Amino acid sequence: MRLRLYLSIAFAISVVCLICFSILSLQISENSLLSFDSKMISLIQGLETPWLTVIMKFFTFVGSAPIVILLCLICLYILYKLLHHYTELILFVSVVLGSALLNQLLKQIFHRARPDLHRLVEISGYSFPSGHAMNAFTVYGILAFLLWKHQKTKWRRVCLIVVSTAMILLIGMSRIYLGVHYPTDIIGGYLASGVWVTTAILFFQYYKEKRYNRKYKLDG
């Protein structure tokens, strides 16, 4: 019964994220959100200080491809060698690689140029959806899912969610602060990754339930 509830929640989140992403992408295609983006960029970049710039460059570095790859390799080692969770390993690899491919596909579809207002770092490529935002949501989201059942106390679970959420939000905000993404790029990245991650979890949980039921019938 509880599994059905979790599957229903995952499905609902996936659908909501898909609808919101579709609406957002339509608005972006019609340039309807430029005013919102400009106001948010001005607000966030208005906080600029030398020490905050260092912090934001750190978080954007943490969300970069080399660090994400390193983090993924560490997670793969833990899942394979220490925990022997082979199906979870397949889920992790599929979600991370799929998210990267989905991001590149969406960038090629929308061809949105990066903002050219006040850049603190230089970067090329298309802007929507943010690759850093998708990487952060995917990696820290799926890690939170995989580590959740291993946290035996409520306090540790709260810490897991707080740390994961903070990393996702700070990596996304760093891209706006540094002037290389519109806020809607970040939101779009979160939504696209939300669709992908929740859908993957949905199928993963469904597969595990089916496998458990088959084993139960054979043992019975």
N, C-alpha and C. Protein backbone atom coordinates (compact mmCIF):
# COMPACT_ATOMS: atom_id res chain seq x y z
N MET A 1 0.83 -1.21 0.00
CA MET A 1 0.00 0.00 0.00
C MET A 1 0.86 1.25 0.00
N ARG A 2 1.92 1.22 0.85
CA ARG A 2 2.80 2.38 0.91
C ARG A 2 3.54 2.58 -0.40
N LEU A 3 3.93 1.46 -1.05
CA LEU A 3 4.63 1.58 -2.33
C LEU A 3 3.74 2.27 -3.36
N ARG A 4 2.47 1.89 -3.40
CA ARG A 4 1.54 2.52 -4.35
C ARG A 4 1.44 4.02 -4.10
N LEU A 5 1.46 4.40 -2.83
CA LEU A 5 1.41 5.82 -2.48
C LEU A 5 2.66 6.53 -3.01
N TYR A 6 3.82 5.92 -2.79
CA TYR A 6 5.07 6.52 -3.26
C TYR A 6 5.11 6.62 -4.78
N LEU A 7 4.63 5.58 -5.45
CA LEU A 7 4.59 5.61 -6.91
C LEU A 7 3.64 6.68 -7.42
N SER A 8 2.53 6.84 -6.74
CA SER A 8 1.56 7.87 -7.12
C SER A 8 2.16 9.26 -6.94
N ILE A 9 2.89 9.45 -5.84
CA ILE A 9 3.53 10.75 -5.59
C ILE A 9 4.58 11.03 -6.65
N ALA A 10 5.41 10.02 -6.96
CA ALA A 10 6.45 10.21 -7.98
C ALA A 10 5.83 10.53 -9.34
N PHE A 11 4.75 9.84 -9.68
CA PHE A 11 4.07 10.10 -10.95
C PHE A 11 3.49 11.50 -10.98
N ALA A 12 2.87 11.92 -9.87
CA ALA A 12 2.29 13.26 -9.80
C ALA A 12 3.36 14.34 -9.93
N ILE A 13 4.49 14.15 -9.26
CA ILE A 13 5.58 15.13 -9.35
C ILE A 13 6.11 15.21 -10.78
N SER A 14 6.25 14.05 -11.41
CA SER A 14 6.74 14.01 -12.79
C SER A 14 5.81 14.77 -13.73
N VAL A 15 4.50 14.54 -13.58
CA VAL A 15 3.52 15.20 -14.44
C VAL A 15 3.52 16.71 -14.21
N VAL A 16 3.55 17.11 -12.94
CA VAL A 16 3.57 18.54 -12.61
C VAL A 16 4.80 19.22 -13.19
N CYS A 17 5.95 18.58 -13.04
CA CYS A 17 7.20 19.14 -13.59
C CYS A 17 7.13 19.25 -15.11
N LEU A 18 6.56 18.23 -15.75
CA LEU A 18 6.44 18.25 -17.21
C LEU A 18 5.52 19.37 -17.68
N ILE A 19 4.40 19.55 -17.00
CA ILE A 19 3.47 20.62 -17.37
C ILE A 19 4.13 21.99 -17.16
N CYS A 20 4.78 22.16 -16.02
CA CYS A 20 5.44 23.45 -15.73
C CYS A 20 6.57 23.73 -16.71
N PHE A 21 7.33 22.69 -17.07
CA PHE A 21 8.41 22.89 -18.04
C PHE A 21 7.85 23.26 -19.40
N SER A 22 6.76 22.63 -19.80
CA SER A 22 6.14 22.94 -21.09
C SER A 22 5.66 24.39 -21.14
N ILE A 23 5.03 24.82 -20.06
CA ILE A 23 4.55 26.21 -19.99
C ILE A 23 5.72 27.18 -20.02
N LEU A 24 6.76 26.86 -19.23
CA LEU A 24 7.94 27.72 -19.18
C LEU A 24 8.63 27.81 -20.53
N SER A 25 8.81 26.68 -21.20
CA SER A 25 9.49 26.68 -22.49
C SER A 25 8.70 27.46 -23.54
N LEU A 26 7.38 27.38 -23.46
CA LEU A 26 6.54 28.15 -24.38
C LEU A 26 6.72 29.64 -24.15
N GLN A 27 6.76 30.04 -22.89
CA GLN A 27 6.95 31.45 -22.55
C GLN A 27 8.32 31.95 -22.99
N ILE A 28 9.31 31.09 -22.84
CA ILE A 28 10.66 31.47 -23.26
C ILE A 28 10.73 31.61 -24.77
N SER A 29 10.09 30.70 -25.49
CA SER A 29 10.09 30.78 -26.96
C SER A 29 9.44 32.07 -27.45
N GLU A 30 8.50 32.59 -26.67
CA GLU A 30 7.82 33.84 -27.04
C GLU A 30 8.44 35.06 -26.38
N ASN A 31 9.57 34.86 -25.69
CA ASN A 31 10.27 35.96 -25.00
C ASN A 31 9.36 36.71 -24.03
N SER A 32 8.51 35.97 -23.35
CA SER A 32 7.54 36.60 -22.45
C SER A 32 8.07 36.81 -21.04
N LEU A 33 9.23 36.24 -20.74
CA LEU A 33 9.74 36.29 -19.37
C LEU A 33 11.02 37.11 -19.23
N LEU A 34 11.34 37.91 -20.23
CA LEU A 34 12.57 38.69 -20.18
C LEU A 34 12.55 39.71 -19.04
N SER A 35 11.40 40.28 -18.78
CA SER A 35 11.28 41.25 -17.69
C SER A 35 11.54 40.57 -16.34
N PHE A 36 10.94 39.39 -16.15
CA PHE A 36 11.17 38.64 -14.92
C PHE A 36 12.64 38.28 -14.76
N ASP A 37 13.25 37.80 -15.84
CA ASP A 37 14.66 37.44 -15.79
C ASP A 37 15.54 38.63 -15.44
N SER A 38 15.28 39.75 -16.08
CA SER A 38 16.09 40.95 -15.84
C SER A 38 15.99 41.42 -14.39
N LYS A 39 14.79 41.39 -13.85
CA LYS A 39 14.59 41.82 -12.45
C LYS A 39 15.30 40.90 -11.49
N MET A 40 15.21 39.60 -11.74
CA MET A 40 15.85 38.63 -10.85
C MET A 40 17.37 38.71 -10.94
N ILE A 41 17.89 38.90 -12.15
CA ILE A 41 19.33 39.05 -12.32
C ILE A 41 19.82 40.29 -11.60
N SER A 42 19.11 41.39 -11.73
CA SER A 42 19.49 42.64 -11.05
C SER A 42 19.47 42.45 -9.53
N LEU A 43 18.47 41.72 -9.04
CA LEU A 43 18.35 41.49 -7.60
C LEU A 43 19.52 40.65 -7.08
N ILE A 44 19.82 39.57 -7.78
CA ILE A 44 20.88 38.66 -7.32
C ILE A 44 22.26 39.28 -7.52
N GLN A 45 22.49 39.90 -8.68
CA GLN A 45 23.80 40.51 -8.91
C GLN A 45 23.98 41.79 -8.10
N GLY A 46 22.89 42.32 -7.59
CA GLY A 46 22.99 43.48 -6.71
C GLY A 46 23.65 43.14 -5.39
N LEU A 47 23.77 41.86 -5.09
CA LEU A 47 24.41 41.40 -3.86
C LEU A 47 25.92 41.25 -4.03
N GLU A 48 26.43 41.57 -5.19
CA GLU A 48 27.84 41.30 -5.53
C GLU A 48 28.82 41.93 -4.54
N THR A 49 29.69 41.10 -4.03
CA THR A 49 30.82 41.51 -3.21
C THR A 49 31.98 40.58 -3.56
N PRO A 50 33.22 40.96 -3.28
CA PRO A 50 34.36 40.09 -3.61
C PRO A 50 34.27 38.71 -2.95
N TRP A 51 33.89 38.67 -1.68
CA TRP A 51 33.85 37.37 -0.99
C TRP A 51 32.70 36.50 -1.49
N LEU A 52 31.57 37.13 -1.84
CA LEU A 52 30.45 36.36 -2.36
C LEU A 52 30.77 35.82 -3.75
N THR A 53 31.53 36.58 -4.53
CA THR A 53 31.94 36.11 -5.85
C THR A 53 32.81 34.86 -5.73
N VAL A 54 33.69 34.84 -4.74
CA VAL A 54 34.53 33.66 -4.51
C VAL A 54 33.67 32.45 -4.17
N ILE A 55 32.68 32.66 -3.31
CA ILE A 55 31.79 31.57 -2.90
C ILE A 55 30.99 31.05 -4.10
N MET A 56 30.47 31.97 -4.91
CA MET A 56 29.66 31.56 -6.05
C MET A 56 30.50 30.86 -7.12
N LYS A 57 31.75 31.28 -7.28
CA LYS A 57 32.64 30.58 -8.21
C LYS A 57 32.94 29.18 -7.71
N PHE A 58 33.01 29.03 -6.38
CA PHE A 58 33.24 27.71 -5.81
C PHE A 58 32.06 26.78 -6.12
N PHE A 59 30.84 27.27 -5.91
CA PHE A 59 29.67 26.43 -6.13
C PHE A 59 29.47 26.13 -7.62
N THR A 60 29.81 27.07 -8.48
CA THR A 60 29.68 26.79 -9.91
C THR A 60 30.74 25.77 -10.34
N PHE A 61 31.90 25.78 -9.64
CA PHE A 61 32.93 24.78 -9.90
C PHE A 61 32.48 23.40 -9.42
N VAL A 62 31.84 23.37 -8.26
CA VAL A 62 31.32 22.11 -7.72
C VAL A 62 30.29 21.50 -8.67
N GLY A 63 29.54 22.36 -9.38
CA GLY A 63 28.53 21.87 -10.31
C GLY A 63 29.04 21.62 -11.72
N SER A 64 30.33 21.81 -11.94
CA SER A 64 30.90 21.63 -13.28
C SER A 64 31.07 20.16 -13.61
N ALA A 65 31.23 19.87 -14.89
CA ALA A 65 31.31 18.48 -15.36
C ALA A 65 32.43 17.67 -14.70
N PRO A 66 33.67 18.19 -14.58
CA PRO A 66 34.73 17.38 -13.97
C PRO A 66 34.42 16.96 -12.53
N ILE A 67 33.86 17.87 -11.74
CA ILE A 67 33.55 17.54 -10.34
C ILE A 67 32.37 16.58 -10.27
N VAL A 68 31.39 16.79 -11.15
CA VAL A 68 30.24 15.87 -11.19
C VAL A 68 30.70 14.46 -11.56
N ILE A 69 31.61 14.36 -12.53
CA ILE A 69 32.14 13.05 -12.93
C ILE A 69 32.90 12.41 -11.77
N LEU A 70 33.71 13.20 -11.07
CA LEU A 70 34.46 12.67 -9.92
C LEU A 70 33.51 12.17 -8.83
N LEU A 71 32.49 12.97 -8.54
CA LEU A 71 31.50 12.58 -7.53
C LEU A 71 30.78 11.30 -7.95
N CYS A 72 30.46 11.20 -9.22
CA CYS A 72 29.77 10.00 -9.73
C CYS A 72 30.65 8.76 -9.61
N LEU A 73 31.94 8.91 -9.89
CA LEU A 73 32.86 7.77 -9.78
C LEU A 73 32.96 7.29 -8.33
N ILE A 74 32.99 8.24 -7.40
CA ILE A 74 33.03 7.88 -5.98
C ILE A 74 31.75 7.13 -5.59
N CYS A 75 30.63 7.63 -6.06
CA CYS A 75 29.34 7.00 -5.75
C CYS A 75 29.26 5.60 -6.37
N LEU A 76 29.77 5.46 -7.58
CA LEU A 76 29.75 4.15 -8.23
C LEU A 76 30.60 3.14 -7.45
N TYR A 77 31.74 3.60 -6.97
CA TYR A 77 32.61 2.72 -6.18
C TYR A 77 31.90 2.27 -4.91
N ILE A 78 31.24 3.21 -4.23
CA ILE A 78 30.53 2.88 -2.99
C ILE A 78 29.38 1.91 -3.26
N LEU A 79 28.61 2.18 -4.30
CA LEU A 79 27.47 1.32 -4.62
C LEU A 79 27.91 -0.08 -5.04
N TYR A 80 29.01 -0.16 -5.79
CA TYR A 80 29.45 -1.45 -6.33
C TYR A 80 30.30 -2.24 -5.34
N LYS A 81 31.32 -1.59 -4.79
CA LYS A 81 32.29 -2.30 -3.96
C LYS A 81 31.86 -2.45 -2.51
N LEU A 82 31.30 -1.39 -1.93
CA LEU A 82 31.01 -1.40 -0.51
C LEU A 82 29.60 -1.89 -0.18
N LEU A 83 28.62 -1.39 -0.95
CA LEU A 83 27.23 -1.75 -0.64
C LEU A 83 26.70 -2.91 -1.48
N HIS A 84 27.35 -3.18 -2.62
CA HIS A 84 26.91 -4.26 -3.53
C HIS A 84 25.47 -4.06 -4.00
N HIS A 85 25.10 -2.81 -4.22
CA HIS A 85 23.76 -2.48 -4.70
C HIS A 85 23.81 -2.32 -6.22
N TYR A 86 23.71 -3.41 -6.93
CA TYR A 86 23.92 -3.38 -8.37
C TYR A 86 22.76 -2.73 -9.13
N THR A 87 21.55 -2.98 -8.70
CA THR A 87 20.41 -2.35 -9.38
C THR A 87 20.41 -0.84 -9.13
N GLU A 88 20.78 -0.42 -7.91
CA GLU A 88 20.89 1.00 -7.61
C GLU A 88 21.99 1.66 -8.44
N LEU A 89 23.06 0.90 -8.68
CA LEU A 89 24.16 1.40 -9.50
C LEU A 89 23.67 1.66 -10.93
N ILE A 90 22.90 0.73 -11.47
CA ILE A 90 22.35 0.90 -12.82
C ILE A 90 21.43 2.12 -12.86
N LEU A 91 20.61 2.28 -11.83
CA LEU A 91 19.73 3.45 -11.76
C LEU A 91 20.55 4.72 -11.75
N PHE A 92 21.57 4.79 -10.92
CA PHE A 92 22.40 5.98 -10.80
C PHE A 92 23.05 6.35 -12.13
N VAL A 93 23.67 5.38 -12.77
CA VAL A 93 24.35 5.63 -14.05
C VAL A 93 23.35 6.07 -15.11
N SER A 94 22.21 5.40 -15.17
CA SER A 94 21.20 5.72 -16.18
C SER A 94 20.66 7.13 -15.99
N VAL A 95 20.40 7.50 -14.74
CA VAL A 95 19.84 8.82 -14.46
C VAL A 95 20.84 9.92 -14.80
N VAL A 96 22.09 9.75 -14.39
CA VAL A 96 23.10 10.80 -14.62
C VAL A 96 23.40 10.96 -16.10
N LEU A 97 23.64 9.84 -16.80
CA LEU A 97 23.93 9.91 -18.23
C LEU A 97 22.72 10.41 -19.01
N GLY A 98 21.56 9.93 -18.65
CA GLY A 98 20.34 10.37 -19.33
C GLY A 98 20.09 11.85 -19.17
N SER A 99 20.37 12.37 -17.98
CA SER A 99 20.18 13.80 -17.72
C SER A 99 21.11 14.63 -18.59
N ALA A 100 22.36 14.19 -18.72
CA ALA A 100 23.33 14.93 -19.55
C ALA A 100 22.90 14.94 -21.02
N LEU A 101 22.44 13.80 -21.51
CA LEU A 101 21.99 13.73 -22.90
C LEU A 101 20.72 14.56 -23.12
N LEU A 102 19.81 14.50 -22.16
CA LEU A 102 18.58 15.28 -22.26
C LEU A 102 18.88 16.77 -22.27
N ASN A 103 19.84 17.20 -21.46
CA ASN A 103 20.21 18.61 -21.43
C ASN A 103 20.73 19.09 -22.78
N GLN A 104 21.61 18.30 -23.39
CA GLN A 104 22.15 18.68 -24.69
C GLN A 104 21.07 18.70 -25.77
N LEU A 105 20.15 17.75 -25.70
CA LEU A 105 19.05 17.71 -26.66
C LEU A 105 18.18 18.96 -26.53
N LEU A 106 17.83 19.32 -25.31
CA LEU A 106 16.97 20.49 -25.09
C LEU A 106 17.68 21.78 -25.49
N LYS A 107 18.97 21.87 -25.23
CA LYS A 107 19.72 23.06 -25.65
C LYS A 107 19.68 23.23 -27.17
N GLN A 108 19.80 22.12 -27.87
CA GLN A 108 19.77 22.18 -29.34
C GLN A 108 18.38 22.52 -29.86
N ILE A 109 17.36 22.15 -29.12
CA ILE A 109 15.99 22.46 -29.53
C ILE A 109 15.69 23.94 -29.36
N PHE A 110 16.08 24.51 -28.22
CA PHE A 110 15.68 25.88 -27.90
C PHE A 110 16.67 26.95 -28.39
N HIS A 111 17.96 26.61 -28.51
CA HIS A 111 18.95 27.55 -29.06
C HIS A 111 18.90 28.92 -28.37
N ARG A 112 18.74 28.94 -27.08
CA ARG A 112 18.66 30.22 -26.38
C ARG A 112 20.05 30.75 -26.06
N ALA A 113 20.31 31.99 -26.45
CA ALA A 113 21.60 32.60 -26.18
C ALA A 113 21.73 32.94 -24.70
N ARG A 114 22.94 32.96 -24.21
CA ARG A 114 23.18 33.31 -22.81
C ARG A 114 22.98 34.81 -22.59
N PRO A 115 22.67 35.22 -21.36
CA PRO A 115 22.52 36.65 -21.08
C PRO A 115 23.83 37.39 -21.28
N ASP A 116 23.74 38.63 -21.68
CA ASP A 116 24.94 39.44 -21.93
C ASP A 116 24.80 40.76 -21.17
N LEU A 117 24.65 40.66 -19.86
CA LEU A 117 24.45 41.84 -19.04
C LEU A 117 25.69 42.17 -18.22
N HIS A 118 26.01 41.33 -17.27
CA HIS A 118 27.17 41.56 -16.41
C HIS A 118 27.77 40.21 -16.06
N ARG A 119 28.69 39.75 -16.90
CA ARG A 119 29.27 38.43 -16.70
C ARG A 119 30.54 38.53 -15.85
N LEU A 120 30.62 37.64 -14.87
CA LEU A 120 31.82 37.55 -14.04
C LEU A 120 32.74 36.42 -14.50
N VAL A 121 32.21 35.53 -15.34
CA VAL A 121 33.00 34.49 -15.98
C VAL A 121 32.54 34.38 -17.43
N GLU A 122 33.38 33.84 -18.27
CA GLU A 122 33.03 33.66 -19.68
C GLU A 122 32.78 32.20 -19.97
N ILE A 123 31.73 31.94 -20.74
CA ILE A 123 31.39 30.58 -21.10
C ILE A 123 30.61 30.61 -22.41
N SER A 124 30.74 29.55 -23.19
CA SER A 124 30.05 29.49 -24.48
C SER A 124 28.91 28.47 -24.39
N GLY A 125 28.21 28.33 -25.49
CA GLY A 125 27.12 27.35 -25.55
C GLY A 125 25.77 27.98 -25.30
N TYR A 126 24.74 27.19 -25.50
CA TYR A 126 23.38 27.67 -25.31
C TYR A 126 23.01 27.71 -23.83
N SER A 127 21.93 28.44 -23.55
CA SER A 127 21.61 28.78 -22.16
C SER A 127 20.50 27.94 -21.54
N PHE A 128 19.51 27.54 -22.32
CA PHE A 128 18.33 26.88 -21.75
C PHE A 128 18.22 25.43 -22.18
N PRO A 129 18.00 24.53 -21.22
CA PRO A 129 18.03 24.73 -19.77
C PRO A 129 19.45 24.64 -19.24
N SER A 130 19.67 25.14 -18.04
CA SER A 130 21.00 25.15 -17.46
C SER A 130 21.51 23.74 -17.21
N GLY A 131 22.71 23.46 -17.74
CA GLY A 131 23.33 22.16 -17.49
C GLY A 131 23.73 21.98 -16.04
N HIS A 132 24.23 23.07 -15.43
CA HIS A 132 24.60 23.00 -14.02
C HIS A 132 23.38 22.70 -13.15
N ALA A 133 22.25 23.35 -13.46
CA ALA A 133 21.03 23.12 -12.68
C ALA A 133 20.55 21.68 -12.82
N MET A 134 20.60 21.16 -14.05
CA MET A 134 20.17 19.78 -14.27
C MET A 134 21.12 18.80 -13.60
N ASN A 135 22.43 19.06 -13.72
CA ASN A 135 23.41 18.18 -13.06
C ASN A 135 23.18 18.15 -11.55
N ALA A 136 23.01 19.33 -10.97
CA ALA A 136 22.85 19.42 -9.51
C ALA A 136 21.59 18.70 -9.06
N PHE A 137 20.48 18.98 -9.72
CA PHE A 137 19.21 18.35 -9.32
C PHE A 137 19.28 16.85 -9.50
N THR A 138 19.86 16.40 -10.61
CA THR A 138 19.93 14.97 -10.90
C THR A 138 20.82 14.25 -9.90
N VAL A 139 22.06 14.72 -9.75
CA VAL A 139 23.02 14.01 -8.91
C VAL A 139 22.61 14.04 -7.44
N TYR A 140 22.32 15.23 -6.91
CA TYR A 140 21.99 15.31 -5.48
C TYR A 140 20.58 14.77 -5.21
N GLY A 141 19.71 14.86 -6.20
CA GLY A 141 18.38 14.29 -6.04
C GLY A 141 18.41 12.78 -5.97
N ILE A 142 19.13 12.15 -6.90
CA ILE A 142 19.18 10.69 -6.91
C ILE A 142 19.99 10.16 -5.74
N LEU A 143 21.01 10.92 -5.31
CA LEU A 143 21.77 10.51 -4.13
C LEU A 143 20.90 10.54 -2.88
N ALA A 144 20.09 11.58 -2.76
CA ALA A 144 19.18 11.67 -1.62
C ALA A 144 18.22 10.48 -1.61
N PHE A 145 17.74 10.11 -2.79
CA PHE A 145 16.83 8.96 -2.90
C PHE A 145 17.53 7.66 -2.49
N LEU A 146 18.75 7.45 -2.97
CA LEU A 146 19.46 6.21 -2.70
C LEU A 146 19.95 6.12 -1.25
N LEU A 147 20.29 7.26 -0.66
CA LEU A 147 20.82 7.25 0.70
C LEU A 147 19.74 7.31 1.77
N TRP A 148 18.53 7.65 1.36
CA TRP A 148 17.43 7.87 2.32
C TRP A 148 17.22 6.66 3.24
N LYS A 149 17.13 5.48 2.66
CA LYS A 149 16.81 4.29 3.47
C LYS A 149 17.96 3.87 4.38
N HIS A 150 19.16 4.39 4.11
CA HIS A 150 20.31 4.07 4.95
C HIS A 150 20.45 5.01 6.14
N GLN A 151 19.62 6.04 6.19
CA GLN A 151 19.64 6.97 7.33
C GLN A 151 18.65 6.46 8.37
N LYS A 152 19.16 6.04 9.50
CA LYS A 152 18.33 5.35 10.48
C LYS A 152 17.56 6.29 11.41
N THR A 153 17.95 7.56 11.45
CA THR A 153 17.26 8.49 12.34
C THR A 153 16.62 9.62 11.53
N LYS A 154 15.61 10.21 12.10
CA LYS A 154 14.92 11.32 11.45
C LYS A 154 15.87 12.49 11.25
N TRP A 155 16.73 12.75 12.21
CA TRP A 155 17.68 13.86 12.13
C TRP A 155 18.62 13.70 10.95
N ARG A 156 19.11 12.50 10.73
CA ARG A 156 20.03 12.26 9.61
C ARG A 156 19.31 12.42 8.28
N ARG A 157 18.06 12.03 8.23
CA ARG A 157 17.28 12.20 7.00
C ARG A 157 17.02 13.68 6.71
N VAL A 158 16.75 14.43 7.77
CA VAL A 158 16.55 15.87 7.61
C VAL A 158 17.84 16.52 7.10
N CYS A 159 18.96 16.13 7.66
CA CYS A 159 20.26 16.66 7.22
C CYS A 159 20.52 16.33 5.75
N LEU A 160 20.18 15.10 5.36
CA LEU A 160 20.36 14.67 3.97
C LEU A 160 19.57 15.56 3.02
N ILE A 161 18.32 15.82 3.35
CA ILE A 161 17.46 16.64 2.49
C ILE A 161 17.95 18.08 2.48
N VAL A 162 18.34 18.61 3.64
CA VAL A 162 18.80 20.00 3.73
C VAL A 162 20.07 20.20 2.91
N VAL A 163 21.03 19.29 3.05
CA VAL A 163 22.29 19.41 2.31
C VAL A 163 22.05 19.28 0.81
N SER A 164 21.26 18.31 0.40
CA SER A 164 20.97 18.10 -1.02
C SER A 164 20.28 19.33 -1.61
N THR A 165 19.28 19.83 -0.91
CA THR A 165 18.54 21.00 -1.38
C THR A 165 19.43 22.23 -1.46
N ALA A 166 20.27 22.41 -0.44
CA ALA A 166 21.18 23.57 -0.42
C ALA A 166 22.14 23.52 -1.59
N MET A 167 22.70 22.35 -1.89
CA MET A 167 23.64 22.22 -3.00
C MET A 167 22.95 22.52 -4.33
N ILE A 168 21.74 22.01 -4.50
CA ILE A 168 20.99 22.25 -5.74
C ILE A 168 20.72 23.74 -5.93
N LEU A 169 20.24 24.40 -4.88
CA LEU A 169 19.88 25.81 -4.98
C LEU A 169 21.10 26.70 -5.14
N LEU A 170 22.17 26.42 -4.40
CA LEU A 170 23.36 27.27 -4.46
C LEU A 170 24.08 27.15 -5.80
N ILE A 171 24.13 25.95 -6.34
CA ILE A 171 24.75 25.77 -7.67
C ILE A 171 23.94 26.52 -8.72
N GLY A 172 22.62 26.43 -8.64
CA GLY A 172 21.78 27.16 -9.58
C GLY A 172 21.93 28.67 -9.42
N MET A 173 21.91 29.15 -8.19
CA MET A 173 22.03 30.59 -7.95
C MET A 173 23.38 31.13 -8.40
N SER A 174 24.41 30.32 -8.26
CA SER A 174 25.75 30.77 -8.67
C SER A 174 25.80 31.10 -10.15
N ARG A 175 25.03 30.39 -10.95
CA ARG A 175 25.03 30.63 -12.40
C ARG A 175 24.36 31.95 -12.74
N ILE A 176 23.34 32.32 -11.96
CA ILE A 176 22.69 33.62 -12.16
C ILE A 176 23.61 34.73 -11.69
N TYR A 177 24.20 34.55 -10.52
CA TYR A 177 25.09 35.54 -9.93
C TYR A 177 26.27 35.85 -10.87
N LEU A 178 26.82 34.80 -11.48
CA LEU A 178 27.98 34.98 -12.34
C LEU A 178 27.61 35.48 -13.74
N GLY A 179 26.31 35.60 -14.01
CA GLY A 179 25.85 36.22 -15.25
C GLY A 179 25.85 35.33 -16.47
N VAL A 180 25.87 34.01 -16.27
CA VAL A 180 25.94 33.10 -17.43
C VAL A 180 24.62 32.39 -17.71
N HIS A 181 23.61 32.65 -16.85
CA HIS A 181 22.29 32.04 -17.07
C HIS A 181 21.19 32.99 -16.64
N TYR A 182 20.07 32.91 -17.34
CA TYR A 182 18.85 33.56 -16.89
C TYR A 182 18.24 32.72 -15.75
N PRO A 183 17.51 33.34 -14.84
CA PRO A 183 16.81 32.56 -13.81
C PRO A 183 15.90 31.49 -14.39
N THR A 184 15.26 31.79 -15.51
CA THR A 184 14.37 30.78 -16.12
C THR A 184 15.16 29.60 -16.69
N ASP A 185 16.44 29.80 -17.01
CA ASP A 185 17.29 28.67 -17.40
C ASP A 185 17.45 27.71 -16.24
N ILE A 186 17.64 28.28 -15.05
CA ILE A 186 17.83 27.47 -13.85
C ILE A 186 16.53 26.74 -13.51
N ILE A 187 15.43 27.46 -13.51
CA ILE A 187 14.13 26.85 -13.22
C ILE A 187 13.82 25.74 -14.22
N GLY A 188 14.10 26.03 -15.50
CA GLY A 188 13.87 25.03 -16.54
C GLY A 188 14.72 23.79 -16.33
N GLY A 189 15.97 23.99 -15.90
CA GLY A 189 16.85 22.86 -15.61
C GLY A 189 16.32 22.00 -14.47
N TYR A 190 15.85 22.65 -13.43
CA TYR A 190 15.27 21.91 -12.30
C TYR A 190 14.04 21.11 -12.74
N LEU A 191 13.18 21.75 -13.53
CA LEU A 191 11.95 21.08 -13.96
C LEU A 191 12.24 19.91 -14.90
N ALA A 192 13.14 20.12 -15.85
CA ALA A 192 13.48 19.04 -16.78
C ALA A 192 14.10 17.86 -16.04
N SER A 193 14.99 18.17 -15.11
CA SER A 193 15.60 17.11 -14.32
C SER A 193 14.56 16.45 -13.41
N GLY A 194 13.62 17.26 -12.90
CA GLY A 194 12.56 16.71 -12.06
C GLY A 194 11.73 15.67 -12.81
N VAL A 195 11.42 15.96 -14.05
CA VAL A 195 10.68 14.99 -14.88
C VAL A 195 11.49 13.71 -15.04
N TRP A 196 12.74 13.87 -15.39
CA TRP A 196 13.59 12.72 -15.68
C TRP A 196 13.84 11.86 -14.44
N VAL A 197 14.22 12.50 -13.35
CA VAL A 197 14.58 11.76 -12.13
C VAL A 197 13.37 11.04 -11.55
N THR A 198 12.24 11.73 -11.44
CA THR A 198 11.06 11.08 -10.86
C THR A 198 10.54 9.95 -11.74
N THR A 199 10.64 10.12 -13.05
CA THR A 199 10.22 9.04 -13.96
C THR A 199 11.11 7.83 -13.80
N ALA A 200 12.43 8.07 -13.69
CA ALA A 200 13.38 6.97 -13.50
C ALA A 200 13.12 6.25 -12.18
N ILE A 201 12.87 7.01 -11.12
CA ILE A 201 12.58 6.42 -9.82
C ILE A 201 11.28 5.62 -9.88
N LEU A 202 10.31 6.13 -10.59
CA LEU A 202 9.02 5.45 -10.75
C LEU A 202 9.21 4.07 -11.36
N PHE A 203 9.95 3.99 -12.45
CA PHE A 203 10.18 2.71 -13.11
C PHE A 203 11.07 1.79 -12.27
N PHE A 204 12.02 2.40 -11.57
CA PHE A 204 12.91 1.61 -10.71
C PHE A 204 12.14 0.95 -9.58
N GLN A 205 11.28 1.69 -8.92
CA GLN A 205 10.49 1.14 -7.83
C GLN A 205 9.50 0.08 -8.34
N TYR A 206 8.93 0.34 -9.50
CA TYR A 206 8.01 -0.62 -10.10
C TYR A 206 8.73 -1.93 -10.42
N TYR A 207 9.95 -1.80 -10.96
CA TYR A 207 10.76 -2.98 -11.29
C TYR A 207 11.11 -3.77 -10.03
N LYS A 208 11.51 -3.08 -8.97
CA LYS A 208 11.87 -3.76 -7.73
C LYS A 208 10.67 -4.47 -7.12
N GLU A 209 9.50 -3.85 -7.21
CA GLU A 209 8.30 -4.48 -6.68
C GLU A 209 7.96 -5.74 -7.47
N LYS A 210 8.07 -5.68 -8.79
CA LYS A 210 7.79 -6.85 -9.62
C LYS A 210 8.77 -7.97 -9.32
N ARG A 211 10.03 -7.61 -9.17
CA ARG A 211 11.04 -8.63 -8.88
C ARG A 211 10.82 -9.27 -7.52
N TYR A 212 10.43 -8.46 -6.54
CA TYR A 212 10.14 -8.96 -5.20
C TYR A 212 8.94 -9.92 -5.23
N ASN A 213 7.91 -9.54 -5.97
CA ASN A 213 6.72 -10.39 -6.05
C ASN A 213 7.02 -11.73 -6.72
N ARG A 214 7.86 -11.71 -7.76
CA ARG A 214 8.24 -12.96 -8.43
C ARG A 214 9.02 -13.87 -7.48
N LYS A 215 9.94 -13.24 -6.73
CA LYS A 215 10.74 -14.01 -5.78
C LYS A 215 9.87 -14.59 -4.68
N TYR A 216 8.91 -13.79 -4.20
CA TYR A 216 8.01 -14.21 -3.15
C TYR A 216 7.16 -15.42 -3.60
N LYS A 217 6.69 -15.37 -4.84
CA LYS A 217 5.87 -16.46 -5.38
C LYS A 217 6.70 -17.74 -5.52
N LEU A 218 7.97 -17.57 -5.99
CA LEU A 218 8.83 -18.74 -6.16
C LEU A 218 9.16 -19.36 -4.80
N ASP A 219 9.44 -18.53 -3.82
CA ASP A 219 9.77 -19.04 -2.48
C ASP A 219 8.55 -19.67 -1.82
N GLY A 220 7.36 -19.09 -2.18
CA GLY A 220 6.13 -19.62 -1.58
C GLY A 220 5.77 -20.96 -2.19
